[in-house]
Amino acid sequence: MTLSMVVVIPTCGLVSEPTMVEERLQHTRHTPVLRIDDSQTRWGPLGCLQKGYQETTQDLICYLHDDVVIREDCWEDRVIKQFEQDPKV
């Protein structure tokens, strides 16, 4: 069974540096990144996470804050593999 994953990042109104997230996720190769911008709606962090959940169709959702830096190439492949090997995770 092959699982799919999406990375959901709430911007919480911080859209002044749109490339910041892309730079920090440069090692994400095979997974779509869904940025939830609430600069107009002001949903807040939980509202952004909920909106991301509602907009995804993938099997796995990885919620990351916009200040997370990932340095491992293709890290998402390792995460997906773990879920495929043990669905109880």
N, C-alpha and C. Protein backbone atom coordinates (compact mmCIF):
# COMPACT_ATOMS: atom_id res chain seq x y z
N MET A 1 0.84 -1.18 0.00
CA MET A 1 0.00 0.00 0.00
C MET A 1 0.89 1.25 0.00
N THR A 2 0.67 2.14 -0.93
CA THR A 2 1.42 3.37 -1.00
C THR A 2 0.58 4.52 -0.46
N LEU A 3 1.11 5.19 0.53
CA LEU A 3 0.41 6.32 1.16
C LEU A 3 0.88 7.63 0.54
N SER A 4 0.03 8.62 0.62
CA SER A 4 0.39 9.96 0.17
C SER A 4 0.39 10.90 1.38
N MET A 5 1.17 11.96 1.29
CA MET A 5 1.28 12.89 2.41
C MET A 5 1.28 14.32 1.87
N VAL A 6 0.77 15.23 2.69
CA VAL A 6 0.82 16.65 2.39
C VAL A 6 1.40 17.36 3.62
N VAL A 7 2.15 18.42 3.39
CA VAL A 7 2.66 19.26 4.47
C VAL A 7 1.76 20.49 4.53
N VAL A 8 1.17 20.74 5.69
CA VAL A 8 0.30 21.90 5.90
C VAL A 8 1.05 22.89 6.80
N ILE A 9 1.18 24.12 6.33
CA ILE A 9 1.89 25.16 7.08
C ILE A 9 0.97 26.36 7.25
N PRO A 10 0.57 26.65 8.50
CA PRO A 10 -0.21 27.87 8.73
C PRO A 10 0.72 29.07 8.78
N THR A 11 0.42 30.11 8.04
CA THR A 11 1.27 31.30 8.07
C THR A 11 0.87 32.25 9.18
N CYS A 12 -0.33 32.09 9.69
CA CYS A 12 -0.82 32.92 10.80
C CYS A 12 -0.62 34.41 10.53
N GLY A 13 -0.90 34.81 9.30
CA GLY A 13 -0.83 36.22 8.95
C GLY A 13 0.54 36.71 8.58
N LEU A 14 1.55 35.87 8.68
CA LEU A 14 2.93 36.29 8.38
C LEU A 14 3.27 36.00 6.93
N VAL A 15 2.74 36.79 6.04
CA VAL A 15 3.00 36.58 4.61
C VAL A 15 4.08 37.52 4.08
N SER A 16 4.74 38.23 4.98
CA SER A 16 5.74 39.19 4.54
C SER A 16 6.99 38.52 3.97
N GLU A 17 7.23 37.26 4.35
CA GLU A 17 8.39 36.55 3.85
C GLU A 17 7.95 35.23 3.22
N PRO A 18 7.34 35.27 2.05
CA PRO A 18 6.80 34.04 1.45
C PRO A 18 7.87 33.02 1.09
N THR A 19 9.12 33.46 0.84
CA THR A 19 10.15 32.50 0.46
C THR A 19 10.75 31.79 1.67
N MET A 20 10.49 32.29 2.87
CA MET A 20 11.05 31.69 4.07
C MET A 20 10.66 30.22 4.18
N VAL A 21 9.39 29.92 3.96
CA VAL A 21 8.92 28.54 4.08
C VAL A 21 9.56 27.68 3.01
N GLU A 22 9.62 28.16 1.79
CA GLU A 22 10.22 27.39 0.71
C GLU A 22 11.69 27.10 0.99
N GLU A 23 12.41 28.06 1.51
CA GLU A 23 13.82 27.86 1.83
C GLU A 23 13.99 26.80 2.91
N ARG A 24 13.13 26.84 3.89
CA ARG A 24 13.24 25.89 5.00
C ARG A 24 12.79 24.49 4.63
N LEU A 25 11.99 24.39 3.57
CA LEU A 25 11.52 23.08 3.13
C LEU A 25 12.19 22.64 1.82
N GLN A 26 13.37 23.17 1.54
CA GLN A 26 14.02 22.85 0.28
C GLN A 26 14.35 21.37 0.14
N HIS A 27 14.39 20.62 1.23
CA HIS A 27 14.68 19.19 1.17
C HIS A 27 13.42 18.35 1.01
N THR A 28 12.28 18.97 0.92
CA THR A 28 11.03 18.26 0.68
C THR A 28 10.88 18.10 -0.83
N ARG A 29 10.92 16.88 -1.30
CA ARG A 29 10.98 16.65 -2.74
C ARG A 29 9.70 16.09 -3.34
N HIS A 30 9.03 15.19 -2.63
CA HIS A 30 7.93 14.43 -3.24
C HIS A 30 6.57 14.72 -2.64
N THR A 31 6.49 15.71 -1.83
CA THR A 31 5.27 15.96 -1.08
C THR A 31 4.77 17.38 -1.34
N PRO A 32 3.49 17.54 -1.65
CA PRO A 32 2.96 18.89 -1.83
C PRO A 32 2.96 19.66 -0.51
N VAL A 33 3.15 20.96 -0.61
CA VAL A 33 3.13 21.83 0.56
C VAL A 33 1.93 22.77 0.41
N LEU A 34 1.06 22.74 1.40
CA LEU A 34 -0.13 23.59 1.40
C LEU A 34 0.05 24.68 2.44
N ARG A 35 0.21 25.91 1.97
CA ARG A 35 0.33 27.05 2.89
C ARG A 35 -1.05 27.63 3.12
N ILE A 36 -1.41 27.77 4.38
CA ILE A 36 -2.70 28.36 4.73
C ILE A 36 -2.45 29.78 5.22
N ASP A 37 -2.85 30.74 4.43
CA ASP A 37 -2.64 32.15 4.72
C ASP A 37 -3.91 32.72 5.36
N ASP A 38 -3.77 33.20 6.56
CA ASP A 38 -4.93 33.81 7.21
C ASP A 38 -4.72 35.30 7.48
N SER A 39 -3.92 35.93 6.62
CA SER A 39 -3.64 37.35 6.82
C SER A 39 -4.92 38.19 6.71
N GLN A 40 -5.90 37.72 5.98
CA GLN A 40 -7.17 38.44 5.86
C GLN A 40 -8.24 37.89 6.80
N THR A 41 -8.26 36.58 6.98
CA THR A 41 -9.34 35.95 7.76
C THR A 41 -9.07 35.93 9.25
N ARG A 42 -7.80 35.90 9.63
CA ARG A 42 -7.39 35.84 11.04
C ARG A 42 -8.01 34.64 11.76
N TRP A 43 -7.89 33.45 11.13
CA TRP A 43 -8.40 32.23 11.76
C TRP A 43 -7.58 31.84 12.99
N GLY A 44 -6.32 32.22 13.02
CA GLY A 44 -5.44 31.80 14.10
C GLY A 44 -4.83 30.45 13.78
N PRO A 45 -3.87 29.99 14.61
CA PRO A 45 -3.17 28.73 14.33
C PRO A 45 -4.09 27.53 14.21
N LEU A 46 -5.00 27.35 15.14
CA LEU A 46 -5.88 26.18 15.08
C LEU A 46 -6.84 26.25 13.90
N GLY A 47 -7.34 27.43 13.60
CA GLY A 47 -8.21 27.58 12.44
C GLY A 47 -7.48 27.26 11.14
N CYS A 48 -6.21 27.66 11.05
CA CYS A 48 -5.40 27.35 9.87
C CYS A 48 -5.19 25.84 9.74
N LEU A 49 -4.90 25.19 10.86
CA LEU A 49 -4.71 23.73 10.82
C LEU A 49 -5.99 23.04 10.38
N GLN A 50 -7.13 23.49 10.88
CA GLN A 50 -8.42 22.91 10.50
C GLN A 50 -8.68 23.14 9.02
N LYS A 51 -8.40 24.32 8.52
CA LYS A 51 -8.58 24.63 7.10
C LYS A 51 -7.70 23.73 6.24
N GLY A 52 -6.47 23.51 6.68
CA GLY A 52 -5.57 22.61 5.96
C GLY A 52 -6.12 21.19 5.92
N TYR A 53 -6.66 20.74 7.03
CA TYR A 53 -7.28 19.41 7.10
C TYR A 53 -8.44 19.31 6.11
N GLN A 54 -9.26 20.34 6.05
CA GLN A 54 -10.43 20.33 5.17
C GLN A 54 -10.04 20.35 3.69
N GLU A 55 -8.89 20.92 3.37
CA GLU A 55 -8.49 21.07 1.97
C GLU A 55 -7.64 19.92 1.43
N THR A 56 -7.29 18.96 2.27
CA THR A 56 -6.40 17.89 1.82
C THR A 56 -7.17 16.62 1.49
N THR A 57 -6.57 15.83 0.63
CA THR A 57 -7.13 14.52 0.28
C THR A 57 -6.11 13.41 0.50
N GLN A 58 -4.92 13.75 0.95
CA GLN A 58 -3.86 12.77 1.15
C GLN A 58 -4.14 11.90 2.36
N ASP A 59 -3.43 10.78 2.44
CA ASP A 59 -3.58 9.84 3.54
C ASP A 59 -2.98 10.38 4.84
N LEU A 60 -1.87 11.08 4.73
CA LEU A 60 -1.16 11.61 5.90
C LEU A 60 -1.06 13.12 5.79
N ILE A 61 -1.18 13.77 6.93
CA ILE A 61 -1.02 15.22 6.99
C ILE A 61 0.10 15.53 7.96
N CYS A 62 1.08 16.28 7.51
CA CYS A 62 2.18 16.72 8.36
C CYS A 62 1.99 18.21 8.62
N TYR A 63 1.68 18.55 9.85
CA TYR A 63 1.53 19.97 10.21
C TYR A 63 2.88 20.50 10.66
N LEU A 64 3.34 21.55 10.02
CA LEU A 64 4.60 22.19 10.40
C LEU A 64 4.38 23.67 10.61
N HIS A 65 5.06 24.22 11.57
CA HIS A 65 5.03 25.67 11.74
C HIS A 65 5.98 26.30 10.74
N ASP A 66 5.78 27.57 10.45
CA ASP A 66 6.59 28.23 9.42
C ASP A 66 8.02 28.51 9.85
N ASP A 67 8.37 28.20 11.10
CA ASP A 67 9.74 28.41 11.54
C ASP A 67 10.54 27.11 11.65
N VAL A 68 9.98 26.00 11.16
CA VAL A 68 10.67 24.72 11.18
C VAL A 68 11.66 24.66 10.02
N VAL A 69 12.87 24.18 10.31
CA VAL A 69 13.89 23.99 9.28
C VAL A 69 14.15 22.50 9.16
N ILE A 70 14.03 21.97 7.93
CA ILE A 70 14.28 20.55 7.68
C ILE A 70 15.54 20.44 6.84
N ARG A 71 16.49 19.63 7.31
CA ARG A 71 17.77 19.52 6.61
C ARG A 71 18.00 18.14 5.99
N GLU A 72 17.10 17.23 6.19
CA GLU A 72 17.26 15.87 5.66
C GLU A 72 16.61 15.78 4.28
N ASP A 73 17.39 15.40 3.27
CA ASP A 73 16.84 15.23 1.93
C ASP A 73 15.76 14.15 1.94
N CYS A 74 14.68 14.43 1.27
CA CYS A 74 13.57 13.49 1.10
C CYS A 74 13.09 12.91 2.43
N TRP A 75 13.06 13.72 3.44
CA TRP A 75 12.65 13.28 4.78
C TRP A 75 11.26 12.67 4.77
N GLU A 76 10.40 13.19 3.89
CA GLU A 76 9.02 12.72 3.87
C GLU A 76 8.92 11.26 3.44
N ASP A 77 9.87 10.79 2.63
CA ASP A 77 9.87 9.38 2.23
C ASP A 77 10.05 8.47 3.44
N ARG A 78 10.92 8.88 4.36
CA ARG A 78 11.16 8.09 5.58
C ARG A 78 9.91 8.08 6.47
N VAL A 79 9.23 9.21 6.57
CA VAL A 79 8.01 9.28 7.38
C VAL A 79 6.92 8.40 6.78
N ILE A 80 6.71 8.51 5.48
CA ILE A 80 5.69 7.70 4.82
C ILE A 80 6.01 6.22 4.96
N LYS A 81 7.26 5.85 4.79
CA LYS A 81 7.67 4.44 4.91
C LYS A 81 7.34 3.90 6.30
N GLN A 82 7.56 4.71 7.32
CA GLN A 82 7.26 4.27 8.69
C GLN A 82 5.77 3.96 8.85
N PHE A 83 4.92 4.80 8.31
CA PHE A 83 3.47 4.56 8.38
C PHE A 83 3.07 3.34 7.54
N GLU A 84 3.73 3.14 6.41
CA GLU A 84 3.42 1.98 5.56
C GLU A 84 3.84 0.68 6.24
N GLN A 85 4.95 0.71 6.95
CA GLN A 85 5.44 -0.50 7.64
C GLN A 85 4.61 -0.82 8.87
N ASP A 86 4.12 0.19 9.56
CA ASP A 86 3.36 -0.03 10.79
C ASP A 86 2.18 0.95 10.86
N PRO A 87 1.02 0.54 10.33
CA PRO A 87 -0.15 1.43 10.32
C PRO A 87 -0.61 1.87 11.71
N LYS A 88 -0.10 1.20 12.76
CA LYS A 88 -0.52 1.57 14.13
C LYS A 88 0.21 2.81 14.64
N VAL A 89 1.22 3.27 13.89
CA VAL A 89 2.02 4.42 14.35
C VAL A 89 1.13 5.61 14.57
